[in-house]
Amino acid sequence: MTENATLKRHAALVDNMAAAVGVDLEQKTMEGHLDPDGIAEAVLRCTGCPDPKACESWLAENAAGAGRPPHWCRNARMLDRLAAGGHG
């Protein structure tokens, strides 16, 4: 997979994971809880995941919503903070 394709894949995974746990990344950015660098860092953390297919499977099973991201998500802490109203 090319670097560009990898970044697009993981950007979608980060956005979909956030949506699955009720976090609107765009809204959090507009509210000042997250900056664009924070989103970029989340995507880069995601690219280090050894099993993005497991994430895709989890997202397919939890598309209707989940309380929290899976414990193995590299962005779980950030998403939990944002969901609780804190800063990413």
PDB file of N, CA and C in Angstrom:
ATOM      1  N   MET A   1       0.856  -1.172   0.000  1.00  0.00           N
ATOM      2  CA  MET A   1       0.000   0.000   0.000  1.00  0.00           C
ATOM      3  C   MET A   1       0.901   1.234   0.000  1.00  0.00           C
ATOM      4  N   THR A   2       0.551   2.234  -0.814  1.00  0.00           N
ATOM      5  CA  THR A   2       1.357   3.444  -0.862  1.00  0.00           C
ATOM      6  C   THR A   2       1.169   4.248   0.420  1.00  0.00           C
ATOM      7  N   GLU A   3       2.113   5.133   0.665  1.00  0.00           N
ATOM      8  CA  GLU A   3       2.036   5.957   1.882  1.00  0.00           C
ATOM      9  C   GLU A   3       0.749   6.778   1.896  1.00  0.00           C
ATOM     10  N   ASN A   4       0.382   7.327   0.746  1.00  0.00           N
ATOM     11  CA  ASN A   4      -0.836   8.124   0.662  1.00  0.00           C
ATOM     12  C   ASN A   4      -2.071   7.264   0.954  1.00  0.00           C
ATOM     13  N   ALA A   5      -2.112   6.069   0.391  1.00  0.00           N
ATOM     14  CA  ALA A   5      -3.245   5.168   0.637  1.00  0.00           C
ATOM     15  C   ALA A   5      -3.299   4.760   2.104  1.00  0.00           C
ATOM     16  N   THR A   6      -2.141   4.529   2.707  1.00  0.00           N
ATOM     17  CA  THR A   6      -2.086   4.163   4.124  1.00  0.00           C
ATOM     18  C   THR A   6      -2.634   5.293   4.984  1.00  0.00           C
ATOM     19  N   LEU A   7      -2.213   6.519   4.706  1.00  0.00           N
ATOM     20  CA  LEU A   7      -2.687   7.660   5.484  1.00  0.00           C
ATOM     21  C   LEU A   7      -4.197   7.849   5.314  1.00  0.00           C
ATOM     22  N   LYS A   8      -4.698   7.684   4.098  1.00  0.00           N
ATOM     23  CA  LYS A   8      -6.145   7.813   3.870  1.00  0.00           C
ATOM     24  C   LYS A   8      -6.908   6.729   4.616  1.00  0.00           C
ATOM     25  N   ARG A   9      -6.390   5.507   4.576  1.00  0.00           N
ATOM     26  CA  ARG A   9      -7.058   4.400   5.275  1.00  0.00           C
ATOM     27  C   ARG A   9      -7.152   4.683   6.766  1.00  0.00           C
ATOM     28  N   HIS A  10      -6.036   5.113   7.351  1.00  0.00           N
ATOM     29  CA  HIS A  10      -6.004   5.337   8.795  1.00  0.00           C
ATOM     30  C   HIS A  10      -6.745   6.610   9.188  1.00  0.00           C
ATOM     31  N   ALA A  11      -6.761   7.607   8.328  1.00  0.00           N
ATOM     32  CA  ALA A  11      -7.569   8.799   8.613  1.00  0.00           C
ATOM     33  C   ALA A  11      -9.045   8.409   8.693  1.00  0.00           C
ATOM     34  N   ALA A  12      -9.475   7.536   7.785  1.00  0.00           N
ATOM     35  CA  ALA A  12     -10.866   7.064   7.817  1.00  0.00           C
ATOM     36  C   ALA A  12     -11.122   6.237   9.075  1.00  0.00           C
ATOM     37  N   LEU A  13     -10.163   5.402   9.462  1.00  0.00           N
ATOM     38  CA  LEU A  13     -10.329   4.599  10.671  1.00  0.00           C
ATOM     39  C   LEU A  13     -10.463   5.493  11.905  1.00  0.00           C
ATOM     40  N   VAL A  14      -9.644   6.514  12.002  1.00  0.00           N
ATOM     41  CA  VAL A  14      -9.713   7.437  13.144  1.00  0.00           C
ATOM     42  C   VAL A  14     -11.069   8.135  13.160  1.00  0.00           C
ATOM     43  N   ASP A  15     -11.496   8.635  12.022  1.00  0.00           N
ATOM     44  CA  ASP A  15     -12.782   9.331  11.950  1.00  0.00           C
ATOM     45  C   ASP A  15     -13.935   8.393  12.273  1.00  0.00           C
ATOM     46  N   ASN A  16     -13.904   7.190  11.736  1.00  0.00           N
ATOM     47  CA  ASN A  16     -14.973   6.219  11.996  1.00  0.00           C
ATOM     48  C   ASN A  16     -14.982   5.754  13.444  1.00  0.00           C
ATOM     49  N   MET A  17     -13.808   5.584  14.030  1.00  0.00           N
ATOM     50  CA  MET A  17     -13.730   5.182  15.437  1.00  0.00           C
ATOM     51  C   MET A  17     -14.306   6.293  16.310  1.00  0.00           C
ATOM     52  N   ALA A  18     -13.942   7.532  16.007  1.00  0.00           N
ATOM     53  CA  ALA A  18     -14.475   8.658  16.773  1.00  0.00           C
ATOM     54  C   ALA A  18     -15.994   8.692  16.666  1.00  0.00           C
ATOM     55  N   ALA A  19     -16.514   8.547  15.470  1.00  0.00           N
ATOM     56  CA  ALA A  19     -17.959   8.564  15.271  1.00  0.00           C
ATOM     57  C   ALA A  19     -18.636   7.421  16.027  1.00  0.00           C
ATOM     58  N   ALA A  20     -18.018   6.257  16.028  1.00  0.00           N
ATOM     59  CA  ALA A  20     -18.600   5.089  16.702  1.00  0.00           C
ATOM     60  C   ALA A  20     -18.734   5.309  18.208  1.00  0.00           C
ATOM     61  N   VAL A  21     -17.859   6.145  18.780  1.00  0.00           N
ATOM     62  CA  VAL A  21     -17.932   6.396  20.221  1.00  0.00           C
ATOM     63  C   VAL A  21     -18.552   7.763  20.527  1.00  0.00           C
ATOM     64  N   GLY A  22     -19.160   8.364  19.497  1.00  0.00           N
ATOM     65  CA  GLY A  22     -19.902   9.603  19.710  1.00  0.00           C
ATOM     66  C   GLY A  22     -19.083  10.871  19.735  1.00  0.00           C
ATOM     67  N   VAL A  23     -17.904  10.836  19.140  1.00  0.00           N
ATOM     68  CA  VAL A  23     -17.048  12.021  19.104  1.00  0.00           C
ATOM     69  C   VAL A  23     -17.012  12.554  17.677  1.00  0.00           C
ATOM     70  N   ASP A  24     -17.418  13.808  17.507  1.00  0.00           N
ATOM     71  CA  ASP A  24     -17.356  14.483  16.216  1.00  0.00           C
ATOM     72  C   ASP A  24     -16.050  15.285  16.197  1.00  0.00           C
ATOM     73  N   LEU A  25     -15.065  14.786  15.482  1.00  0.00           N
ATOM     74  CA  LEU A  25     -13.747  15.428  15.484  1.00  0.00           C
ATOM     75  C   LEU A  25     -13.801  16.853  14.946  1.00  0.00           C
ATOM     76  N   GLU A  26     -14.617  17.090  13.935  1.00  0.00           N
ATOM     77  CA  GLU A  26     -14.745  18.439  13.386  1.00  0.00           C
ATOM     78  C   GLU A  26     -15.325  19.388  14.431  1.00  0.00           C
ATOM     79  N   GLN A  27     -16.359  18.946  15.120  1.00  0.00           N
ATOM     80  CA  GLN A  27     -16.972  19.771  16.161  1.00  0.00           C
ATOM     81  C   GLN A  27     -15.985  20.029  17.301  1.00  0.00           C
ATOM     82  N   LYS A  28     -15.257  18.996  17.709  1.00  0.00           N
ATOM     83  CA  LYS A  28     -14.279  19.156  18.789  1.00  0.00           C
ATOM     84  C   LYS A  28     -13.186  20.142  18.388  1.00  0.00           C
ATOM     85  N   THR A  29     -12.829  20.156  17.108  1.00  0.00           N
ATOM     86  CA  THR A  29     -11.834  21.109  16.625  1.00  0.00           C
ATOM     87  C   THR A  29     -12.398  22.526  16.675  1.00  0.00           C
ATOM     88  N   MET A  30     -13.637  22.691  16.219  1.00  0.00           N
ATOM     89  CA  MET A  30     -14.256  24.027  16.241  1.00  0.00           C
ATOM     90  C   MET A  30     -14.437  24.541  17.660  1.00  0.00           C
ATOM     91  N   GLU A  31     -14.650  23.631  18.612  1.00  0.00           N
ATOM     92  CA  GLU A  31     -14.818  24.023  20.016  1.00  0.00           C
ATOM     93  C   GLU A  31     -13.491  24.281  20.713  1.00  0.00           C
ATOM     94  N   GLY A  32     -12.386  23.974  20.055  1.00  0.00           N
ATOM     95  CA  GLY A  32     -11.072  24.189  20.635  1.00  0.00           C
ATOM     96  C   GLY A  32     -10.568  23.055  21.507  1.00  0.00           C
ATOM     97  N   HIS A  33     -11.254  21.918  21.477  1.00  0.00           N
ATOM     98  CA  HIS A  33     -10.827  20.764  22.268  1.00  0.00           C
ATOM     99  C   HIS A  33      -9.761  19.932  21.559  1.00  0.00           C
ATOM    100  N   LEU A  34      -9.589  20.186  20.285  1.00  0.00           N
ATOM    101  CA  LEU A  34      -8.644  19.424  19.467  1.00  0.00           C
ATOM    102  C   LEU A  34      -8.153  20.342  18.368  1.00  0.00           C
ATOM    103  N   ASP A  35      -6.878  20.271  18.059  1.00  0.00           N
ATOM    104  CA  ASP A  35      -6.369  21.068  16.954  1.00  0.00           C
ATOM    105  C   ASP A  35      -5.993  20.148  15.796  1.00  0.00           C
ATOM    106  N   PRO A  36      -5.792  20.717  14.612  1.00  0.00           N
ATOM    107  CA  PRO A  36      -5.454  19.876  13.462  1.00  0.00           C
ATOM    108  C   PRO A  36      -4.217  19.009  13.686  1.00  0.00           C
ATOM    109  N   ASP A  37      -3.253  19.505  14.439  1.00  0.00           N
ATOM    110  CA  ASP A  37      -2.075  18.685  14.746  1.00  0.00           C
ATOM    111  C   ASP A  37      -2.461  17.463  15.570  1.00  0.00           C
ATOM    112  N   GLY A  38      -3.446  17.620  16.451  1.00  0.00           N
ATOM    113  CA  GLY A  38      -3.908  16.489  17.251  1.00  0.00           C
ATOM    114  C   GLY A  38      -4.534  15.413  16.388  1.00  0.00           C
ATOM    115  N   ILE A  39      -5.272  15.830  15.370  1.00  0.00           N
ATOM    116  CA  ILE A  39      -5.857  14.860  14.442  1.00  0.00           C
ATOM    117  C   ILE A  39      -4.758  14.170  13.655  1.00  0.00           C
ATOM    118  N   ALA A  40      -3.785  14.928  13.186  1.00  0.00           N
ATOM    119  CA  ALA A  40      -2.671  14.338  12.433  1.00  0.00           C
ATOM    120  C   ALA A  40      -1.904  13.338  13.300  1.00  0.00           C
ATOM    121  N   GLU A  41      -1.690  13.683  14.564  1.00  0.00           N
ATOM    122  CA  GLU A  41      -0.998  12.763  15.476  1.00  0.00           C
ATOM    123  C   GLU A  41      -1.809  11.497  15.689  1.00  0.00           C
ATOM    124  N   ALA A  42      -3.128  11.624  15.779  1.00  0.00           N
ATOM    125  CA  ALA A  42      -3.988  10.453  15.944  1.00  0.00           C
ATOM    126  C   ALA A  42      -3.887   9.539  14.728  1.00  0.00           C
ATOM    127  N   VAL A  43      -3.875  10.123  13.539  1.00  0.00           N
ATOM    128  CA  VAL A  43      -3.738   9.319  12.318  1.00  0.00           C
ATOM    129  C   VAL A  43      -2.381   8.624  12.303  1.00  0.00           C
ATOM    130  N   LEU A  44      -1.336   9.323  12.673  1.00  0.00           N
ATOM    131  CA  LEU A  44      -0.003   8.698  12.705  1.00  0.00           C
ATOM    132  C   LEU A  44       0.063   7.581  13.743  1.00  0.00           C
ATOM    133  N   ARG A  45      -0.559   7.787  14.916  1.00  0.00           N
ATOM    134  CA  ARG A  45      -0.612   6.703  15.907  1.00  0.00           C
ATOM    135  C   ARG A  45      -1.321   5.499  15.317  1.00  0.00           C
ATOM    136  N   CYS A  46      -2.390   5.754  14.613  1.00  0.00           N
ATOM    137  CA  CYS A  46      -3.181   4.681  14.008  1.00  0.00           C
ATOM    138  C   CYS A  46      -2.356   3.908  12.968  1.00  0.00           C
ATOM    139  N   THR A  47      -1.507   4.602  12.225  1.00  0.00           N
ATOM    140  CA  THR A  47      -0.704   3.901  11.209  1.00  0.00           C
ATOM    141  C   THR A  47       0.250   2.904  11.846  1.00  0.00           C
ATOM    142  N   GLY A  48       0.529   3.058  13.131  1.00  0.00           N
ATOM    143  CA  GLY A  48       1.401   2.118  13.831  1.00  0.00           C
ATOM    144  C   GLY A  48       0.679   0.882  14.337  1.00  0.00           C
ATOM    145  N   CYS A  49      -0.611   0.812  14.113  1.00  0.00           N
ATOM    146  CA  CYS A  49      -1.396  -0.333  14.570  1.00  0.00           C
ATOM    147  C   CYS A  49      -0.981  -1.583  13.805  1.00  0.00           C
ATOM    148  N   PRO A  50      -0.724  -2.670  14.529  1.00  0.00           N
ATOM    149  CA  PRO A  50      -0.298  -3.889  13.848  1.00  0.00           C
ATOM    150  C   PRO A  50      -1.449  -4.645  13.171  1.00  0.00           C
ATOM    151  N   ASP A  51      -2.710  -4.274  13.449  1.00  0.00           N
ATOM    152  CA  ASP A  51      -3.829  -5.035  12.907  1.00  0.00           C
ATOM    153  C   ASP A  51      -5.026  -4.140  12.581  1.00  0.00           C
ATOM    154  N   PRO A  52      -4.912  -3.292  11.552  1.00  0.00           N
ATOM    155  CA  PRO A  52      -6.035  -2.424  11.216  1.00  0.00           C
ATOM    156  C   PRO A  52      -7.280  -3.199  10.781  1.00  0.00           C
ATOM    157  N   LYS A  53      -7.123  -4.425  10.321  1.00  0.00           N
ATOM    158  CA  LYS A  53      -8.295  -5.225   9.939  1.00  0.00           C
ATOM    159  C   LYS A  53      -9.164  -5.525  11.166  1.00  0.00           C
ATOM    160  N   ALA A  54      -8.529  -5.705  12.332  1.00  0.00           N
ATOM    161  CA  ALA A  54      -9.298  -5.921  13.565  1.00  0.00           C
ATOM    162  C   ALA A  54     -10.126  -4.676  13.877  1.00  0.00           C
ATOM    163  N   CYS A  55      -9.564  -3.521  13.631  1.00  0.00           N
ATOM    164  CA  CYS A  55     -10.280  -2.264  13.844  1.00  0.00           C
ATOM    165  C   CYS A  55     -11.458  -2.176  12.880  1.00  0.00           C
ATOM    166  N   GLU A  56     -11.223  -2.504  11.630  1.00  0.00           N
ATOM    167  CA  GLU A  56     -12.298  -2.463  10.644  1.00  0.00           C
ATOM    168  C   GLU A  56     -13.423  -3.419  11.040  1.00  0.00           C
ATOM    169  N   SER A  57     -13.075  -4.591  11.549  1.00  0.00           N
ATOM    170  CA  SER A  57     -14.088  -5.555  12.000  1.00  0.00           C
ATOM    171  C   SER A  57     -14.857  -5.006  13.195  1.00  0.00           C
ATOM    172  N   TRP A  58     -14.122  -4.421  14.157  1.00  0.00           N
ATOM    173  CA  TRP A  58     -14.767  -3.839  15.335  1.00  0.00           C
ATOM    174  C   TRP A  58     -15.727  -2.740  14.903  1.00  0.00           C
ATOM    175  N   LEU A  59     -15.286  -1.894  13.983  1.00  0.00           N
ATOM    176  CA  LEU A  59     -16.138  -0.809  13.519  1.00  0.00           C
ATOM    177  C   LEU A  59     -17.388  -1.345  12.823  1.00  0.00           C
ATOM    178  N   ALA A  60     -17.251  -2.405  12.050  1.00  0.00           N
ATOM    179  CA  ALA A  60     -18.416  -2.993  11.382  1.00  0.00           C
ATOM    180  C   ALA A  60     -19.427  -3.514  12.402  1.00  0.00           C
ATOM    181  N   GLU A  61     -18.933  -4.064  13.487  1.00  0.00           N
ATOM    182  CA  GLU A  61     -19.805  -4.606  14.533  1.00  0.00           C
ATOM    183  C   GLU A  61     -20.400  -3.514  15.421  1.00  0.00           C
ATOM    184  N   ASN A  62     -19.754  -2.367  15.482  1.00  0.00           N
ATOM    185  CA  ASN A  62     -20.178  -1.288  16.389  1.00  0.00           C
ATOM    186  C   ASN A  62     -20.576  -0.019  15.650  1.00  0.00           C
ATOM    187  N   ALA A  63     -20.981  -0.166  14.404  1.00  0.00           N
ATOM    188  CA  ALA A  63     -21.324   0.997  13.586  1.00  0.00           C
ATOM    189  C   ALA A  63     -22.466   1.810  14.183  1.00  0.00           C
ATOM    190  N   ALA A  64     -23.361   1.148  14.902  1.00  0.00           N
ATOM    191  CA  ALA A  64     -24.487   1.851  15.510  1.00  0.00           C
ATOM    192  C   ALA A  64     -24.081   2.641  16.746  1.00  0.00           C
ATOM    193  N   GLY A  65     -22.876   2.419  17.223  1.00  0.00           N
ATOM    194  CA  GLY A  65     -22.384   3.164  18.372  1.00  0.00           C
ATOM    195  C   GLY A  65     -21.853   2.258  19.463  1.00  0.00           C
ATOM    196  N   ALA A  66     -20.875   2.771  20.144  1.00  0.00           N
ATOM    197  CA  ALA A  66     -20.248   2.040  21.242  1.00  0.00           C
ATOM    198  C   ALA A  66     -19.928   3.043  22.337  1.00  0.00           C
ATOM    199  N   GLY A  67     -19.866   2.576  23.542  1.00  0.00           N
ATOM    200  CA  GLY A  67     -19.553   3.461  24.653  1.00  0.00           C
ATOM    201  C   GLY A  67     -18.113   3.928  24.663  1.00  0.00           C
ATOM    202  N   ARG A  68     -17.246   3.028  24.289  1.00  0.00           N
ATOM    203  CA  ARG A  68     -15.806   3.320  24.317  1.00  0.00           C
ATOM    204  C   ARG A  68     -15.134   2.634  23.140  1.00  0.00           C
ATOM    205  N   PRO A  69     -13.968   3.127  22.760  1.00  0.00           N
ATOM    206  CA  PRO A  69     -13.192   2.415  21.742  1.00  0.00           C
ATOM    207  C   PRO A  69     -12.621   1.130  22.341  1.00  0.00           C
ATOM    208  N   PRO A  70     -12.209   0.199  21.516  1.00  0.00           N
ATOM    209  CA  PRO A  70     -11.612  -1.027  22.058  1.00  0.00           C
ATOM    210  C   PRO A  70     -10.318  -0.692  22.805  1.00  0.00           C
ATOM    211  N   HIS A  71      -9.993  -1.487  23.800  1.00  0.00           N
ATOM    212  CA  HIS A  71      -8.823  -1.208  24.648  1.00  0.00           C
ATOM    213  C   HIS A  71      -7.526  -1.175  23.857  1.00  0.00           C
ATOM    214  N   TRP A  72      -7.467  -1.864  22.741  1.00  0.00           N
ATOM    215  CA  TRP A  72      -6.226  -1.918  21.966  1.00  0.00           C
ATOM    216  C   TRP A  72      -6.072  -0.761  20.990  1.00  0.00           C
ATOM    217  N   CYS A  73      -7.071   0.099  20.902  1.00  0.00           N
ATOM    218  CA  CYS A  73      -6.987   1.249  19.992  1.00  0.00           C
ATOM    219  C   CYS A  73      -5.903   2.204  20.484  1.00  0.00           C
ATOM    220  N   ARG A  74      -5.026   2.580  19.600  1.00  0.00           N
ATOM    221  CA  ARG A  74      -3.928   3.486  19.957  1.00  0.00           C
ATOM    222  C   ARG A  74      -4.421   4.901  20.266  1.00  0.00           C
ATOM    223  N   ASN A  75      -5.665   5.189  19.949  1.00  0.00           N
ATOM    224  CA  ASN A  75      -6.238   6.503  20.228  1.00  0.00           C
ATOM    225  C   ASN A  75      -7.338   6.451  21.286  1.00  0.00           C
ATOM    226  N   ALA A  76      -7.429   5.338  22.002  1.00  0.00           N
ATOM    227  CA  ALA A  76      -8.496   5.169  22.994  1.00  0.00           C
ATOM    228  C   ALA A  76      -8.468   6.272  24.051  1.00  0.00           C
ATOM    229  N   ARG A  77      -7.324   6.600  24.579  1.00  0.00           N
ATOM    230  CA  ARG A  77      -7.251   7.632  25.629  1.00  0.00           C
ATOM    231  C   ARG A  77      -7.730   8.977  25.113  1.00  0.00           C
ATOM    232  N   MET A  78      -7.257   9.349  23.923  1.00  0.00           N
ATOM    233  CA  MET A  78      -7.659  10.624  23.342  1.00  0.00           C
ATOM    234  C   MET A  78      -9.170  10.645  23.127  1.00  0.00           C
ATOM    235  N   LEU A  79      -9.717   9.585  22.562  1.00  0.00           N
ATOM    236  CA  LEU A  79     -11.149   9.533  22.296  1.00  0.00           C
ATOM    237  C   LEU A  79     -11.961   9.545  23.592  1.00  0.00           C
ATOM    238  N   ASP A  80     -11.475   8.853  24.601  1.00  0.00           N
ATOM    239  CA  ASP A  80     -12.160   8.865  25.900  1.00  0.00           C
ATOM    240  C   ASP A  80     -12.178  10.275  26.492  1.00  0.00           C
ATOM    241  N   ARG A  81     -11.052  10.999  26.405  1.00  0.00           N
ATOM    242  CA  ARG A  81     -10.989  12.369  26.921  1.00  0.00           C
ATOM    243  C   ARG A  81     -11.942  13.279  26.171  1.00  0.00           C
ATOM    244  N   LEU A  82     -11.944  13.160  24.833  1.00  0.00           N
ATOM    245  CA  LEU A  82     -12.841  13.992  24.034  1.00  0.00           C
ATOM    246  C   LEU A  82     -14.300  13.678  24.311  1.00  0.00           C
ATOM    247  N   ALA A  83     -14.625  12.411  24.472  1.00  0.00           N
ATOM    248  CA  ALA A  83     -16.003  12.013  24.767  1.00  0.00           C
ATOM    249  C   ALA A  83     -16.464  12.558  26.111  1.00  0.00           C
ATOM    250  N   ALA A  84     -15.521  12.691  27.046  1.00  0.00           N
ATOM    251  CA  ALA A  84     -15.841  13.198  28.375  1.00  0.00           C
ATOM    252  C   ALA A  84     -15.843  14.732  28.421  1.00  0.00           C
ATOM    253  N   GLY A  85     -15.578  15.372  27.278  1.00  0.00           N
ATOM    254  CA  GLY A  85     -15.586  16.820  27.215  1.00  0.00           C
ATOM    255  C   GLY A  85     -14.236  17.467  27.421  1.00  0.00           C
ATOM    256  N   GLY A  86     -13.204  16.652  27.521  1.00  0.00           N
ATOM    257  CA  GLY A  86     -11.862  17.190  27.709  1.00  0.00           C
ATOM    258  C   GLY A  86     -11.182  17.477  26.386  1.00  0.00           C
ATOM    259  N   HIS A  87      -9.921  17.759  26.493  1.00  0.00           N
ATOM    260  CA  HIS A  87      -9.104  18.058  25.319  1.00  0.00           C
ATOM    261  C   HIS A  87      -8.393  16.804  24.857  1.00  0.00           C
ATOM    262  N   GLY A  88      -8.223  16.703  23.547  1.00  0.00           N
ATOM    263  CA  GLY A  88      -7.544  15.555  22.945  1.00  0.00           C
ATOM    264  C   GLY A  88      -6.096  15.682  23.102  1.00  0.00           C
TER     265      GLY A  88
END
